[in-house]
C-alpha atoms as a PDB file:
ATOM      1  CA  MET A   1       0.000   0.000   0.000  1.00  0.00           C
ATOM      2  CA  GLY A   2       1.117   3.538  -0.657  1.00  0.00           C
ATOM      3  CA  THR A   3       1.748   6.102   2.055  1.00  0.00           C
ATOM      4  CA  GLY A   4      -1.459   7.932   1.137  1.00  0.00           C
ATOM      5  CA  THR A   5      -3.541   4.791   1.641  1.00  0.00           C
ATOM      6  CA  VAL A   6      -1.840   4.054   4.961  1.00  0.00           C
ATOM      7  CA  SER A   7      -2.430   7.641   6.116  1.00  0.00           C
ATOM      8  CA  ILE A   8      -6.103   7.483   5.193  1.00  0.00           C
ATOM      9  CA  CYS A   9      -6.518   4.105   6.931  1.00  0.00           C
ATOM     10  CA  LEU A  10      -4.893   5.492  10.080  1.00  0.00           C
ATOM     11  CA  LEU A  11      -7.132   8.543   9.930  1.00  0.00           C
ATOM     12  CA  ILE A  12     -10.205   6.364   9.589  1.00  0.00           C
ATOM     13  CA  LEU A  13      -9.099   4.264  12.575  1.00  0.00           C
ATOM     14  CA  VAL A  14      -8.710   7.446  14.645  1.00  0.00           C
ATOM     15  CA  ILE A  15     -12.223   8.516  13.628  1.00  0.00           C
ATOM     16  CA  ILE A  16     -13.621   5.152  14.673  1.00  0.00           C
ATOM     17  CA  PHE A  17     -11.736   5.362  17.982  1.00  0.00           C
ATOM     18  CA  ILE A  18     -13.075   8.849  18.668  1.00  0.00           C
ATOM     19  CA  THR A  19     -16.607   7.858  17.726  1.00  0.00           C
ATOM     20  CA  GLY A  20     -16.391   4.915  20.101  1.00  0.00           C
ATOM     21  CA  LYS A  21     -15.203   7.220  22.882  1.00  0.00           C
ATOM     22  CA  ILE A  22     -18.179   9.537  22.317  1.00  0.00           C
ATOM     23  CA  ILE A  23     -20.592   6.617  22.533  1.00  0.00           C
ATOM     24  CA  THR A  24     -18.841   5.173  25.608  1.00  0.00           C
ATOM     25  CA  ARG A  25     -18.874   8.546  27.333  1.00  0.00           C
ATOM     26  CA  LYS A  26     -22.588   9.010  26.644  1.00  0.00           C
ATOM     27  CA  LYS A  27     -23.312   5.520  28.004  1.00  0.00           C
ATOM     28  CA  ALA A  28     -21.238   6.293  31.108  1.00  0.00           C
ATOM     29  CA  ARG A  29     -23.286   9.422  31.705  1.00  0.00           C
ATOM     30  CA  LEU A  30     -26.513   7.449  31.361  1.00  0.00           C
ATOM     31  CA  THR A  31     -25.453   4.678  33.764  1.00  0.00           C
ATOM     32  CA  SER A  32     -23.650   6.804  36.351  1.00  0.00           C
ATOM     33  CA  ASN A  33     -24.808   9.588  38.601  1.00  0.00           C
ATOM     34  CA  LYS A  34     -21.322  11.091  38.493  1.00  0.00           C
ATOM     35  CA  PRO A  35     -20.210  13.444  35.744  1.00  0.00           C
ATOM     36  CA  CYS A  36     -17.607  11.969  33.409  1.00  0.00           C
ATOM     37  CA  ASP A  37     -14.968  14.326  34.772  1.00  0.00           C
ATOM     38  CA  ASP A  38     -14.982  12.252  37.969  1.00  0.00           C
ATOM     39  CA  LEU A  39     -13.757   9.302  35.904  1.00  0.00           C
ATOM     40  CA  LEU A  40     -10.484  11.078  35.119  1.00  0.00           C
ATOM     41  CA  PRO A  41      -7.478  10.220  37.301  1.00  0.00           C
ATOM     42  CA  ALA A  42      -6.607  12.915  39.826  1.00  0.00           C
ATOM     43  CA  ASN A  43      -2.921  12.949  38.876  1.00  0.00           C
ATOM     44  CA  GLY A  44      -3.662  13.459  35.165  1.00  0.00           C
ATOM     45  CA  GLN A  45      -1.619  10.437  34.103  1.00  0.00           C
ATOM     46  CA  ILE A  46      -2.647   7.963  31.446  1.00  0.00           C
ATOM     47  CA  VAL A  47      -5.087   5.355  32.713  1.00  0.00           C
ATOM     48  CA  SER A  48      -4.045   1.716  32.484  1.00  0.00           C
ATOM     49  CA  TYR A  49      -6.232  -1.333  32.791  1.00  0.00           C
ATOM     50  CA  LYS A  50      -4.177  -3.733  34.934  1.00  0.00           C
ATOM     51  CA  GLU A  51      -7.207  -5.690  36.173  1.00  0.00           C
ATOM     52  CA  ASN A  52      -7.836  -7.070  32.665  1.00  0.00           C
ATOM     53  CA  GLU A  53      -4.199  -7.696  31.792  1.00  0.00           C
ATOM     54  CA  HIS A  54      -4.812 -11.394  31.069  1.00  0.00           C
ATOM     55  CA  ILE A  55      -7.462 -10.435  28.499  1.00  0.00           C
ATOM     56  CA  THR A  56      -5.384  -7.712  26.839  1.00  0.00           C
ATOM     57  CA  ASP A  57      -2.477 -10.128  26.298  1.00  0.00           C
ATOM     58  CA  ARG A  58      -4.485 -11.691  23.458  1.00  0.00           C
ATOM     59  CA  ILE A  59      -5.429  -8.345  21.881  1.00  0.00           C
ATOM     60  CA  SER A  60      -3.371  -6.657  19.177  1.00  0.00           C
ATOM     61  CA  PRO A  61      -0.805  -4.041  20.299  1.00  0.00           C
ATOM     62  CA  VAL A  62      -2.921  -1.242  18.796  1.00  0.00           C
ATOM     63  CA  ALA A  63      -5.900  -2.238  20.957  1.00  0.00           C
ATOM     64  CA  LYS A  64      -3.661  -2.241  24.075  1.00  0.00           C
ATOM     65  CA  LEU A  65      -2.996   1.486  23.797  1.00  0.00           C
ATOM     66  CA  PRO A  66      -4.002   3.262  27.002  1.00  0.00           C
ATOM     67  CA  GLU A  67      -6.881   5.674  27.103  1.00  0.00           C
ATOM     68  CA  ILE A  68      -5.941   9.157  25.955  1.00  0.00           C
ATOM     69  CA  VAL A  69      -6.520  11.511  28.863  1.00  0.00           C
ATOM     70  CA  TRP A  70      -6.603  14.709  26.791  1.00  0.00           C
ATOM     71  CA  TRP A  71      -9.582  13.343  24.896  1.00  0.00           C
ATOM     72  CA  ASN A  72     -11.525  12.919  28.128  1.00  0.00           C
ATOM     73  CA  THR A  73     -10.901  16.537  29.071  1.00  0.00           C
ATOM     74  CA  LEU A  74     -12.949  17.682  26.071  1.00  0.00           C
ATOM     75  CA  ASP A  75     -16.668  18.131  26.537  1.00  0.00           C
ATOM     76  CA  THR A  76     -18.988  16.058  24.346  1.00  0.00           C
ATOM     77  CA  LEU A  77     -19.609  18.874  21.871  1.00  0.00           C
ATOM     78  CA  SER A  78     -15.863  19.441  21.403  1.00  0.00           C
ATOM     79  CA  GLN A  79     -15.375  15.702  20.871  1.00  0.00           C
ATOM     80  CA  LEU A  80     -18.121  15.754  18.248  1.00  0.00           C
ATOM     81  CA  ARG A  81     -16.563  18.706  16.431  1.00  0.00           C
ATOM     82  CA  PHE A  82     -13.149  17.043  16.480  1.00  0.00           C
ATOM     83  CA  ALA A  83     -14.601  13.770  15.131  1.00  0.00           C
ATOM     84  CA  LEU A  84     -16.367  15.719  12.369  1.00  0.00           C
ATOM     85  CA  GLN A  85     -13.126  17.459  11.391  1.00  0.00           C
ATOM     86  CA  LEU A  86     -11.347  14.104  11.146  1.00  0.00           C
ATOM     87  CA  THR A  87     -14.219  12.661   9.144  1.00  0.00           C
ATOM     88  CA  GLN A  88     -14.015  15.558   6.705  1.00  0.00           C
ATOM     89  CA  LYS A  89     -10.317  14.788   6.232  1.00  0.00           C
ATOM     90  CA  ALA A  90     -11.188  11.192   5.270  1.00  0.00           C
ATOM     91  CA  LEU A  91     -14.145  12.176   3.065  1.00  0.00           C
ATOM     92  CA  PRO A  92     -12.060  12.117  -0.170  1.00  0.00           C
ATOM     93  CA  VAL A  93     -11.948   8.314   0.205  1.00  0.00           C
ATOM     94  CA  TRP A  94     -15.737   8.226  -0.255  1.00  0.00           C
ATOM     95  CA  GLU A  95     -15.702  10.851  -2.989  1.00  0.00           C
ATOM     96  CA  ASN A  96     -13.045   8.999  -5.003  1.00  0.00           C
ATOM     97  CA  TYR A  97     -14.972   5.753  -4.621  1.00  0.00           C
ATOM     98  CA  THR A  98     -18.307   7.240  -5.753  1.00  0.00           C
ATOM     99  CA  ALA A  99     -16.625   9.002  -8.677  1.00  0.00           C
ATOM    100  CA  ALA A 100     -15.394   5.665 -10.033  1.00  0.00           C
ATOM    101  CA  ASN A 101     -18.186   3.355  -8.797  1.00  0.00           C
ATOM    102  CA  ASP A 102     -21.936   3.431  -8.449  1.00  0.00           C
ATOM    103  CA  PRO A 103     -22.564   2.635  -4.761  1.00  0.00           C
ATOM    104  CA  SER A 104     -25.549   0.337  -4.782  1.00  0.00           C
ATOM    105  CA  TYR A 105     -26.719  -2.934  -3.291  1.00  0.00           C
ATOM    106  CA  GLN A 106     -29.535  -5.403  -3.762  1.00  0.00           C
ATOM    107  CA  ASP A 107     -31.195  -7.021  -0.737  1.00  0.00           C
ATOM    108  CA  SER A 108     -32.062 -10.125  -2.740  1.00  0.00           C
ATOM    109  CA  PRO A 109     -31.988 -11.102  -6.421  1.00  0.00           C
ATOM    110  CA  THR A 110     -35.681 -10.314  -6.825  1.00  0.00           C
ATOM    111  CA  MET A 111     -35.566  -6.955  -5.047  1.00  0.00           C
ATOM    112  CA  PRO A 112     -34.838  -3.664  -6.816  1.00  0.00           C
ATOM    113  CA  LEU A 113     -31.374  -2.143  -6.788  1.00  0.00           C
ATOM    114  CA  ASN A 114     -30.852   0.337  -3.924  1.00  0.00           C
ATOM    115  CA  LYS A 115     -28.611   3.224  -4.933  1.00  0.00           C
ATOM    116  CA  ILE A 116     -26.680   5.158  -2.319  1.00  0.00           C
ATOM    117  CA  ASP A 117     -26.516   8.883  -2.940  1.00  0.00           C
ATOM    118  CA  ALA A 118     -22.921   9.973  -3.548  1.00  0.00           C
ATOM    119  CA  GLY A 119     -23.554  13.144  -1.521  1.00  0.00           C
ATOM    120  CA  LEU A 120     -24.978  11.291   1.492  1.00  0.00           C
ATOM    121  CA  LEU A 121     -21.882  11.501   3.685  1.00  0.00           C
ATOM    122  CA  GLN A 122     -21.122  15.147   2.913  1.00  0.00           C
ATOM    123  CA  ALA A 123     -24.737  16.175   3.514  1.00  0.00           C
ATOM    124  CA  ALA A 124     -24.878  14.285   6.832  1.00  0.00           C
ATOM    125  CA  ILE A 125     -21.581  15.824   7.970  1.00  0.00           C
ATOM    126  CA  ASP A 126     -22.807  19.294   6.969  1.00  0.00           C
ATOM    127  CA  GLU A 127     -25.997  18.797   9.003  1.00  0.00           C
ATOM    128  CA  MET A 128     -24.048  17.614  12.036  1.00  0.00           C
ATOM    129  CA  ILE A 129     -21.736  20.634  11.762  1.00  0.00           C
ATOM    130  CA  ARG A 130     -24.761  22.918  11.496  1.00  0.00           C
ATOM    131  CA  GLN A 131     -26.270  21.288  14.584  1.00  0.00           C
ATOM    132  CA  SER A 132     -23.000  21.455  16.536  1.00  0.00           C
ATOM    133  CA  VAL A 133     -22.656  25.187  15.843  1.00  0.00           C
ATOM    134  CA  SER A 134     -26.046  25.719  17.468  1.00  0.00           C
ATOM    135  CA  GLY A 135     -25.068  23.512  20.422  1.00  0.00           C
ATOM    136  CA  MET A 136     -27.082  20.454  19.303  1.00  0.00           C
ATOM    137  CA  PRO A 137     -30.519  21.705  20.410  1.00  0.00           C
ATOM    138  CA  ALA A 138     -32.788  18.823  21.344  1.00  0.00           C
ATOM    139  CA  SER A 139     -35.739  20.436  19.560  1.00  0.00           C
ATOM    140  CA  ASP A 140     -34.077  20.132  16.136  1.00  0.00           C
ATOM    141  CA  ASN A 141     -33.116  16.431  16.136  1.00  0.00           C
ATOM    142  CA  LYS A 142     -35.528  15.657  13.285  1.00  0.00           C
ATOM    143  CA  MET A 143     -32.897  16.299  10.596  1.00  0.00           C
ATOM    144  CA  ILE A 144     -30.266  14.222  12.422  1.00  0.00           C
ATOM    145  CA  TRP A 145     -32.724  11.334  12.632  1.00  0.00           C
ATOM    146  CA  GLN A 146     -33.561  11.697   8.940  1.00  0.00           C
ATOM    147  CA  TRP A 147     -29.880  11.446   7.978  1.00  0.00           C
ATOM    148  CA  TYR A 148     -29.397   8.565  10.399  1.00  0.00           C
ATOM    149  CA  PHE A 149     -32.201   6.566   8.777  1.00  0.00           C
ATOM    150  CA  ASN A 150     -30.656   7.160   5.339  1.00  0.00           C
ATOM    151  CA  PHE A 151     -27.644   5.166   6.589  1.00  0.00           C
ATOM    152  CA  VAL A 152     -29.542   2.235   8.107  1.00  0.00           C
ATOM    153  CA  GLY A 153     -30.207   0.339   4.842  1.00  0.00           C
ATOM    154  CA  PRO A 154     -26.612   0.529   3.570  1.00  0.00           C
ATOM    155  CA  VAL A 155     -25.225  -0.389   7.026  1.00  0.00           C
ATOM    156  CA  ILE A 156     -27.430  -3.482   7.094  1.00  0.00           C
ATOM    157  CA  ALA A 157     -26.268  -4.287   3.550  1.00  0.00           C
ATOM    158  CA  ILE A 158     -22.632  -4.007   4.692  1.00  0.00           C
ATOM    159  CA  ARG A 159     -23.281  -6.312   7.644  1.00  0.00           C
ATOM    160  CA  ASP A 160     -25.251  -8.788   5.508  1.00  0.00           C
ATOM    161  CA  GLY A 161     -22.607  -8.771   2.794  1.00  0.00           C
ATOM    162  CA  THR A 162     -24.942  -7.559   0.045  1.00  0.00           C
ATOM    163  CA  TRP A 163     -22.820  -4.415  -0.333  1.00  0.00           C
ATOM    164  CA  VAL A 164     -19.086  -5.002  -0.019  1.00  0.00           C
ATOM    165  CA  PRO A 165     -17.227  -1.724  -0.557  1.00  0.00           C
ATOM    166  CA  PRO A 166     -13.440  -1.580  -0.169  1.00  0.00           C
ATOM    167  CA  TYR A 167     -12.250  -1.487   3.441  1.00  0.00           C
ATOM    168  CA  PRO A 168     -11.387   2.261   3.627  1.00  0.00           C
ATOM    169  CA  VAL A 169     -14.745   3.162   2.050  1.00  0.00           C
ATOM    170  CA  LYS A 170     -16.570   0.917   4.489  1.00  0.00           C
ATOM    171  CA  LYS A 171     -14.785   2.530   7.439  1.00  0.00           C
ATOM    172  CA  ILE A 172     -15.512   6.124   6.434  1.00  0.00           C
ATOM    173  CA  PHE A 173     -19.156   5.225   5.765  1.00  0.00           C
ATOM    174  CA  LEU A 174     -19.485   3.525   9.158  1.00  0.00           C
ATOM    175  CA  SER A 175     -17.656   6.401  10.872  1.00  0.00           C
ATOM    176  CA  VAL A 176     -20.228   8.930   9.713  1.00  0.00           C
ATOM    177  CA  TYR A 177     -23.008   6.506  10.657  1.00  0.00           C
ATOM    178  CA  HIS A 178     -21.635   6.068  14.187  1.00  0.00           C
ATOM    179  CA  ILE A 179     -21.252   9.809  14.679  1.00  0.00           C
ATOM    180  CA  LEU A 180     -24.897  10.230  13.664  1.00  0.00           C
ATOM    181  CA  LYS A 181     -25.895   7.413  15.994  1.00  0.00           C
END
């Protein structure tokens, strides 16, 4: 692989990592009465997970990386904005793919062909940026839900194997989906 492909793959992995942290942080807020800032170590050092060391021995070295403390110091809206900036950096992967291919899938041989709009990712990112500028008001979630539901069919097709895009394309598509989710 070329250095450009490796860079894009690394960028996509960072986006997925950040998206996962946003989801984990939201779940922690829902299941805990404490604010997430209480979960940070008092000394500001990187958190390690010694209690699960026997499990992490079987995980790849990349997955063993400790939690990044600076990321936890950002509020949820800042994390969202950062994830959106990274996603925009990886967006050319999707654009190059849709310029050369017609993204479509078929649920079964007798079903019609489902075409995926080439502008879907950019439009969803633009809407999330617009929402984040206004502080993500709860009263205007209708558009976010609309974009989210536009991703559901293709995500199911990816998981079912009826749409098999190249790995970097799949990751950028799923990254935007997870940010919407």
